[in-house]
Structures are given as C-alpha cells and as structure tokens.
C-alpha cells in the first residue's frame, strides 16, 4: 500500500502500524511525535494504530539544544 510520510510517497507492508513504521525508519518512539491524517497519535497507541492506503503521516523528531 502507499502512504505519504512527511510529504513523500512511500510503499509499505499492508499490515503496518505506526510502531512498525518507526521501527522501519530506525526512529526511537520516545523522541517522536506522529500525526496521522492531521490528528496526533498518542504514544500509547503506536502499536495498535494501523496504517491504511493513502494515509498522510507527519513524523516530528524532538531535538535538544539551545
């Protein structure tokens, strides 16, 4: 299936979840915020939030510094 991640089209497995997507990208869930179709996905729901064809995902990484 195809989804949009941060504005780029991506092909992913048909049974993917938000947690699986983060794992595929090698991103640590604790330093990430996810928006699916313009709605924030709670960290507690990453493993159960299934991705569907056409979903628009925004991944934001928190960066420290000053």
PDB file of N, CA and C in Angstrom:
ATOM      1  N   UNK A   1       0.839  -1.172   0.000  1.00  0.00           N
ATOM      2  CA  UNK A   1       0.000   0.000   0.000  1.00  0.00           C
ATOM      3  C   UNK A   1       0.884   1.235   0.000  1.00  0.00           C
ATOM      4  N   UNK A   2       0.316   2.359  -0.372  1.00  0.00           N
ATOM      5  CA  UNK A   2       1.064   3.611  -0.443  1.00  0.00           C
ATOM      6  C   UNK A   2       0.553   4.596   0.608  1.00  0.00           C
ATOM      7  N   UNK A   3       1.499   5.247   1.278  1.00  0.00           N
ATOM      8  CA  UNK A   3       1.173   6.314   2.217  1.00  0.00           C
ATOM      9  C   UNK A   3       2.094   7.497   1.921  1.00  0.00           C
ATOM     10  N   UNK A   4       1.792   8.625   2.505  1.00  0.00           N
ATOM     11  CA  UNK A   4       2.641   9.814   2.387  1.00  0.00           C
ATOM     12  C   UNK A   4       3.296  10.037   3.747  1.00  0.00           C
ATOM     13  N   UNK A   5       4.633  10.094   3.769  1.00  0.00           N
ATOM     14  CA  UNK A   5       5.371  10.340   5.004  1.00  0.00           C
ATOM     15  C   UNK A   5       6.170  11.627   4.832  1.00  0.00           C
ATOM     16  N   UNK A   6       5.833  12.631   5.639  1.00  0.00           N
ATOM     17  CA  UNK A   6       6.491  13.935   5.567  1.00  0.00           C
ATOM     18  C   UNK A   6       6.555  14.454   4.127  1.00  0.00           C
ATOM     19  N   UNK A   7       5.442  14.298   3.419  1.00  0.00           N
ATOM     20  CA  UNK A   7       5.327  14.840   2.067  1.00  0.00           C
ATOM     21  C   UNK A   7       5.845  13.943   0.956  1.00  0.00           C
ATOM     22  N   UNK A   8       6.413  12.772   1.282  1.00  0.00           N
ATOM     23  CA  UNK A   8       6.953  11.865   0.271  1.00  0.00           C
ATOM     24  C   UNK A   8       6.157  10.568   0.219  1.00  0.00           C
ATOM     25  N   UNK A   9       5.874  10.107  -0.986  1.00  0.00           N
ATOM     26  CA  UNK A   9       5.147   8.851  -1.162  1.00  0.00           C
ATOM     27  C   UNK A   9       6.050   7.685  -0.773  1.00  0.00           C
ATOM     28  N   UNK A  10       5.476   6.738  -0.005  1.00  0.00           N
ATOM     29  CA  UNK A  10       6.211   5.543   0.435  1.00  0.00           C
ATOM     30  C   UNK A  10       5.340   4.322   0.231  1.00  0.00           C
ATOM     31  N   UNK A  11       5.970   3.217  -0.130  1.00  0.00           N
ATOM     32  CA  UNK A  11       5.272   1.938  -0.250  1.00  0.00           C
ATOM     33  C   UNK A  11       5.627   1.147   0.999  1.00  0.00           C
ATOM     34  N   UNK A  12       4.601   0.641   1.698  1.00  0.00           N
ATOM     35  CA  UNK A  12       4.823  -0.107   2.938  1.00  0.00           C
ATOM     36  C   UNK A  12       4.009  -1.396   2.923  1.00  0.00           C
ATOM     37  N   UNK A  13       4.291  -2.257   3.906  1.00  0.00           N
ATOM     38  CA  UNK A  13       3.551  -3.512   4.041  1.00  0.00           C
ATOM     39  C   UNK A  13       2.078  -3.227   4.313  1.00  0.00           C
ATOM     40  N   UNK A  14       1.215  -4.105   3.881  1.00  0.00           N
ATOM     41  CA  UNK A  14      -0.225  -3.892   4.017  1.00  0.00           C
ATOM     42  C   UNK A  14      -0.717  -3.974   5.457  1.00  0.00           C
ATOM     43  N   UNK A  15       0.030  -4.587   6.349  1.00  0.00           N
ATOM     44  CA  UNK A  15      -0.405  -4.736   7.740  1.00  0.00           C
ATOM     45  C   UNK A  15       0.462  -3.897   8.676  1.00  0.00           C
ATOM     46  N   UNK A  16       0.854  -2.713   8.266  1.00  0.00           N
ATOM     47  CA  UNK A  16       1.768  -1.876   9.040  1.00  0.00           C
ATOM     48  C   UNK A  16       1.030  -1.082  10.118  1.00  0.00           C
ATOM     49  N   UNK A  17       1.764  -0.807  11.199  1.00  0.00           N
ATOM     50  CA  UNK A  17       1.279   0.076  12.269  1.00  0.00           C
ATOM     51  C   UNK A  17       2.243   1.252  12.384  1.00  0.00           C
ATOM     52  N   UNK A  18       1.860   2.242  13.174  1.00  0.00           N
ATOM     53  CA  UNK A  18       2.744   3.376  13.412  1.00  0.00           C
ATOM     54  C   UNK A  18       4.050   2.887  14.033  1.00  0.00           C
ATOM     55  N   UNK A  19       3.966   1.976  15.010  1.00  0.00           N
ATOM     56  CA  UNK A  19       5.174   1.446  15.649  1.00  0.00           C
ATOM     57  C   UNK A  19       6.070   0.745  14.630  1.00  0.00           C
ATOM     58  N   UNK A  20       5.484  -0.025  13.741  1.00  0.00           N
ATOM     59  CA  UNK A  20       6.247  -0.707  12.700  1.00  0.00           C
ATOM     60  C   UNK A  20       6.932   0.258  11.754  1.00  0.00           C
ATOM     61  N   UNK A  21       6.256   1.347  11.434  1.00  0.00           N
ATOM     62  CA  UNK A  21       6.833   2.361  10.564  1.00  0.00           C
ATOM     63  C   UNK A  21       8.052   3.000  11.225  1.00  0.00           C
ATOM     64  N   UNK A  22       7.931   3.341  12.504  1.00  0.00           N
ATOM     65  CA  UNK A  22       9.063   3.918  13.226  1.00  0.00           C
ATOM     66  C   UNK A  22      10.231   2.940  13.284  1.00  0.00           C
ATOM     67  N   UNK A  23       9.921   1.668  13.499  1.00  0.00           N
ATOM     68  CA  UNK A  23      10.968   0.648  13.539  1.00  0.00           C
ATOM     69  C   UNK A  23      11.663   0.546  12.184  1.00  0.00           C
ATOM     70  N   UNK A  24      10.874   0.588  11.118  1.00  0.00           N
ATOM     71  CA  UNK A  24      11.430   0.518   9.763  1.00  0.00           C
ATOM     72  C   UNK A  24      12.389   1.678   9.493  1.00  0.00           C
ATOM     73  N   UNK A  25      12.054   2.849  10.018  1.00  0.00           N
ATOM     74  CA  UNK A  25      12.907   4.029   9.829  1.00  0.00           C
ATOM     75  C   UNK A  25      14.021   4.122  10.870  1.00  0.00           C
ATOM     76  N   UNK A  26      14.013   3.216  11.863  1.00  0.00           N
ATOM     77  CA  UNK A  26      15.034   3.248  12.904  1.00  0.00           C
ATOM     78  C   UNK A  26      14.906   4.439  13.832  1.00  0.00           C
ATOM     79  N   UNK A  27      13.676   4.876  14.093  1.00  0.00           N
ATOM     80  CA  UNK A  27      13.431   6.044  14.941  1.00  0.00           C
ATOM     81  C   UNK A  27      12.967   5.624  16.329  1.00  0.00           C
ATOM     82  N   UNK A  28      13.529   6.235  17.379  1.00  0.00           N
ATOM     83  CA  UNK A  28      13.119   5.906  18.753  1.00  0.00           C
ATOM     84  C   UNK A  28      11.774   6.546  19.092  1.00  0.00           C
ATOM     85  N   UNK A  29      10.768   5.765  19.464  1.00  0.00           N
ATOM     86  CA  UNK A  29       9.424   6.301  19.717  1.00  0.00           C
ATOM     87  C   UNK A  29       9.375   7.387  20.795  1.00  0.00           C
ATOM     88  N   UNK A  30      10.263   7.353  21.765  1.00  0.00           N
ATOM     89  CA  UNK A  30      10.173   8.322  22.864  1.00  0.00           C
ATOM     90  C   UNK A  30      10.573   9.738  22.452  1.00  0.00           C
ATOM     91  N   UNK A  31      11.257   9.893  21.330  1.00  0.00           N
ATOM     92  CA  UNK A  31      11.681  11.223  20.871  1.00  0.00           C
ATOM     93  C   UNK A  31      10.938  11.657  19.612  1.00  0.00           C
ATOM     94  N   UNK A  32       9.763  11.077  19.402  1.00  0.00           N
ATOM     95  CA  UNK A  32       9.000  11.293  18.172  1.00  0.00           C
ATOM     96  C   UNK A  32       7.558  11.701  18.479  1.00  0.00           C
ATOM     97  N   UNK A  33       7.018  12.553  17.638  1.00  0.00           N
ATOM     98  CA  UNK A  33       5.578  12.839  17.644  1.00  0.00           C
ATOM     99  C   UNK A  33       5.044  12.446  16.266  1.00  0.00           C
ATOM    100  N   UNK A  34       3.892  11.807  16.254  1.00  0.00           N
ATOM    101  CA  UNK A  34       3.295  11.327  14.998  1.00  0.00           C
ATOM    102  C   UNK A  34       1.922  11.949  14.803  1.00  0.00           C
ATOM    103  N   UNK A  35       1.692  12.394  13.587  1.00  0.00           N
ATOM    104  CA  UNK A  35       0.376  12.885  13.187  1.00  0.00           C
ATOM    105  C   UNK A  35      -0.084  12.015  12.021  1.00  0.00           C
ATOM    106  N   UNK A  36      -1.288  11.472  12.142  1.00  0.00           N
ATOM    107  CA  UNK A  36      -1.874  10.642  11.073  1.00  0.00           C
ATOM    108  C   UNK A  36      -3.132  11.333  10.587  1.00  0.00           C
ATOM    109  N   UNK A  37      -3.131  11.713   9.331  1.00  0.00           N
ATOM    110  CA  UNK A  37      -4.275  12.409   8.732  1.00  0.00           C
ATOM    111  C   UNK A  37      -4.693  13.609   9.586  1.00  0.00           C
ATOM    112  N   UNK A  38      -3.704  14.388   9.987  1.00  0.00           N
ATOM    113  CA  UNK A  38      -3.877  15.648  10.734  1.00  0.00           C
ATOM    114  C   UNK A  38      -4.361  15.471  12.170  1.00  0.00           C
ATOM    115  N   UNK A  39      -4.227  14.262  12.713  1.00  0.00           N
ATOM    116  CA  UNK A  39      -4.582  14.006  14.108  1.00  0.00           C
ATOM    117  C   UNK A  39      -3.389  13.385  14.815  1.00  0.00           C
ATOM    118  N   UNK A  40      -3.063  13.895  16.008  1.00  0.00           N
ATOM    119  CA  UNK A  40      -1.953  13.365  16.791  1.00  0.00           C
ATOM    120  C   UNK A  40      -2.264  11.936  17.220  1.00  0.00           C
ATOM    121  N   UNK A  41      -1.280  11.052  17.087  1.00  0.00           N
ATOM    122  CA  UNK A  41      -1.415   9.671  17.551  1.00  0.00           C
ATOM    123  C   UNK A  41      -0.726   9.586  18.914  1.00  0.00           C
ATOM    124  N   UNK A  42      -1.453   9.232  19.974  1.00  0.00           N
ATOM    125  CA  UNK A  42      -0.822   9.090  21.290  1.00  0.00           C
ATOM    126  C   UNK A  42       0.228   7.987  21.269  1.00  0.00           C
ATOM    127  N   UNK A  43       1.324   8.189  21.984  1.00  0.00           N
ATOM    128  CA  UNK A  43       2.384   7.176  22.032  1.00  0.00           C
ATOM    129  C   UNK A  43       1.838   5.810  22.459  1.00  0.00           C
ATOM    130  N   UNK A  44       0.864   5.811  23.346  1.00  0.00           N
ATOM    131  CA  UNK A  44       0.287   4.551  23.829  1.00  0.00           C
ATOM    132  C   UNK A  44      -0.445   3.787  22.719  1.00  0.00           C
ATOM    133  N   UNK A  45      -0.750   4.453  21.602  1.00  0.00           N
ATOM    134  CA  UNK A  45      -1.487   3.818  20.505  1.00  0.00           C
ATOM    135  C   UNK A  45      -0.613   3.482  19.303  1.00  0.00           C
ATOM    136  N   UNK A  46       0.695   3.732  19.379  1.00  0.00           N
ATOM    137  CA  UNK A  46       1.570   3.462  18.232  1.00  0.00           C
ATOM    138  C   UNK A  46       1.475   2.006  17.763  1.00  0.00           C
ATOM    139  N   UNK A  47       1.431   1.074  18.687  1.00  0.00           N
ATOM    140  CA  UNK A  47       1.407  -0.346  18.330  1.00  0.00           C
ATOM    141  C   UNK A  47       0.082  -0.837  17.794  1.00  0.00           C
ATOM    142  N   UNK A  48      -0.987  -0.111  18.067  1.00  0.00           N
ATOM    143  CA  UNK A  48      -2.317  -0.554  17.644  1.00  0.00           C
ATOM    144  C   UNK A  48      -2.926   0.306  16.534  1.00  0.00           C
ATOM    145  N   UNK A  49      -2.246   1.381  16.163  1.00  0.00           N
ATOM    146  CA  UNK A  49      -2.766   2.254  15.109  1.00  0.00           C
ATOM    147  C   UNK A  49      -2.320   1.725  13.748  1.00  0.00           C
ATOM    148  N   UNK A  50      -3.266   1.096  13.043  1.00  0.00           N
ATOM    149  CA  UNK A  50      -2.978   0.527  11.725  1.00  0.00           C
ATOM    150  C   UNK A  50      -2.922   1.633  10.681  1.00  0.00           C
ATOM    151  N   UNK A  51      -2.011   1.480   9.754  1.00  0.00           N
ATOM    152  CA  UNK A  51      -1.904   2.425   8.639  1.00  0.00           C
ATOM    153  C   UNK A  51      -2.727   1.892   7.477  1.00  0.00           C
ATOM    154  N   UNK A  52      -3.344   2.813   6.753  1.00  0.00           N
ATOM    155  CA  UNK A  52      -4.186   2.436   5.619  1.00  0.00           C
ATOM    156  C   UNK A  52      -3.699   3.141   4.357  1.00  0.00           C
ATOM    157  N   UNK A  53      -4.014   2.551   3.231  1.00  0.00           N
ATOM    158  CA  UNK A  53      -3.623   3.123   1.944  1.00  0.00           C
ATOM    159  C   UNK A  53      -4.079   4.577   1.859  1.00  0.00           C
ATOM    160  N   UNK A  54      -3.171   5.460   1.510  1.00  0.00           N
ATOM    161  CA  UNK A  54      -3.498   6.869   1.349  1.00  0.00           C
ATOM    162  C   UNK A  54      -3.306   7.707   2.598  1.00  0.00           C
ATOM    163  N   UNK A  55      -2.970   7.084   3.737  1.00  0.00           N
ATOM    164  CA  UNK A  55      -2.739   7.859   4.962  1.00  0.00           C
ATOM    165  C   UNK A  55      -1.621   8.881   4.754  1.00  0.00           C
ATOM    166  N   UNK A  56      -1.780  10.025   5.416  1.00  0.00           N
ATOM    167  CA  UNK A  56      -0.744  11.049   5.423  1.00  0.00           C
ATOM    168  C   UNK A  56      -0.153  11.101   6.826  1.00  0.00           C
ATOM    169  N   UNK A  57       1.133  10.808   6.911  1.00  0.00           N
ATOM    170  CA  UNK A  57       1.835  10.728   8.182  1.00  0.00           C
ATOM    171  C   UNK A  57       2.867  11.843   8.265  1.00  0.00           C
ATOM    172  N   UNK A  58       2.888  12.522   9.389  1.00  0.00           N
ATOM    173  CA  UNK A  58       3.937  13.505   9.666  1.00  0.00           C
ATOM    174  C   UNK A  58       4.705  12.997  10.877  1.00  0.00           C
ATOM    175  N   UNK A  59       6.016  12.901  10.744  1.00  0.00           N
ATOM    176  CA  UNK A  59       6.880  12.465  11.831  1.00  0.00           C
ATOM    177  C   UNK A  59       7.742  13.652  12.244  1.00  0.00           C
ATOM    178  N   UNK A  60       7.665  13.998  13.525  1.00  0.00           N
ATOM    179  CA  UNK A  60       8.465  15.122  14.036  1.00  0.00           C
ATOM    180  C   UNK A  60       9.391  14.581  15.116  1.00  0.00           C
ATOM    181  N   UNK A  61      10.683  14.856  14.965  1.00  0.00           N
ATOM    182  CA  UNK A  61      11.674  14.452  15.955  1.00  0.00           C
ATOM    183  C   UNK A  61      11.986  15.635  16.852  1.00  0.00           C
ATOM    184  N   UNK A  62      12.064  15.355  18.156  1.00  0.00           N
ATOM    185  CA  UNK A  62      12.434  16.378  19.120  1.00  0.00           C
ATOM    186  C   UNK A  62      13.951  16.462  19.184  1.00  0.00           C
ATOM    187  N   UNK A  63      14.475  17.680  19.103  1.00  0.00           N
ATOM    188  CA  UNK A  63      15.910  17.894  19.137  1.00  0.00           C
ATOM    189  C   UNK A  63      16.208  18.871  20.266  1.00  0.00           C
ATOM    190  N   UNK A  64      17.156  18.521  21.130  1.00  0.00           N
ATOM    191  CA  UNK A  64      17.542  19.408  22.217  1.00  0.00           C
ATOM    192  C   UNK A  64      18.619  20.371  21.748  1.00  0.00           C
ATOM    193  N   UNK A  65      18.830  21.363  22.544  1.00  0.00           N
ATOM    194  CA  UNK A  65      19.863  22.331  22.230  1.00  0.00           C
ATOM    195  C   UNK A  65      19.438  23.719  22.637  1.00  0.00           C
ATOM    196  N   UNK A  66      20.327  24.634  22.382  1.00  0.00           N
ATOM    197  CA  UNK A  66      19.959  25.974  22.806  1.00  0.00           C
ATOM    198  C   UNK A  66      20.617  27.055  22.024  1.00  0.00           C
TER     199      UNK A  66
END
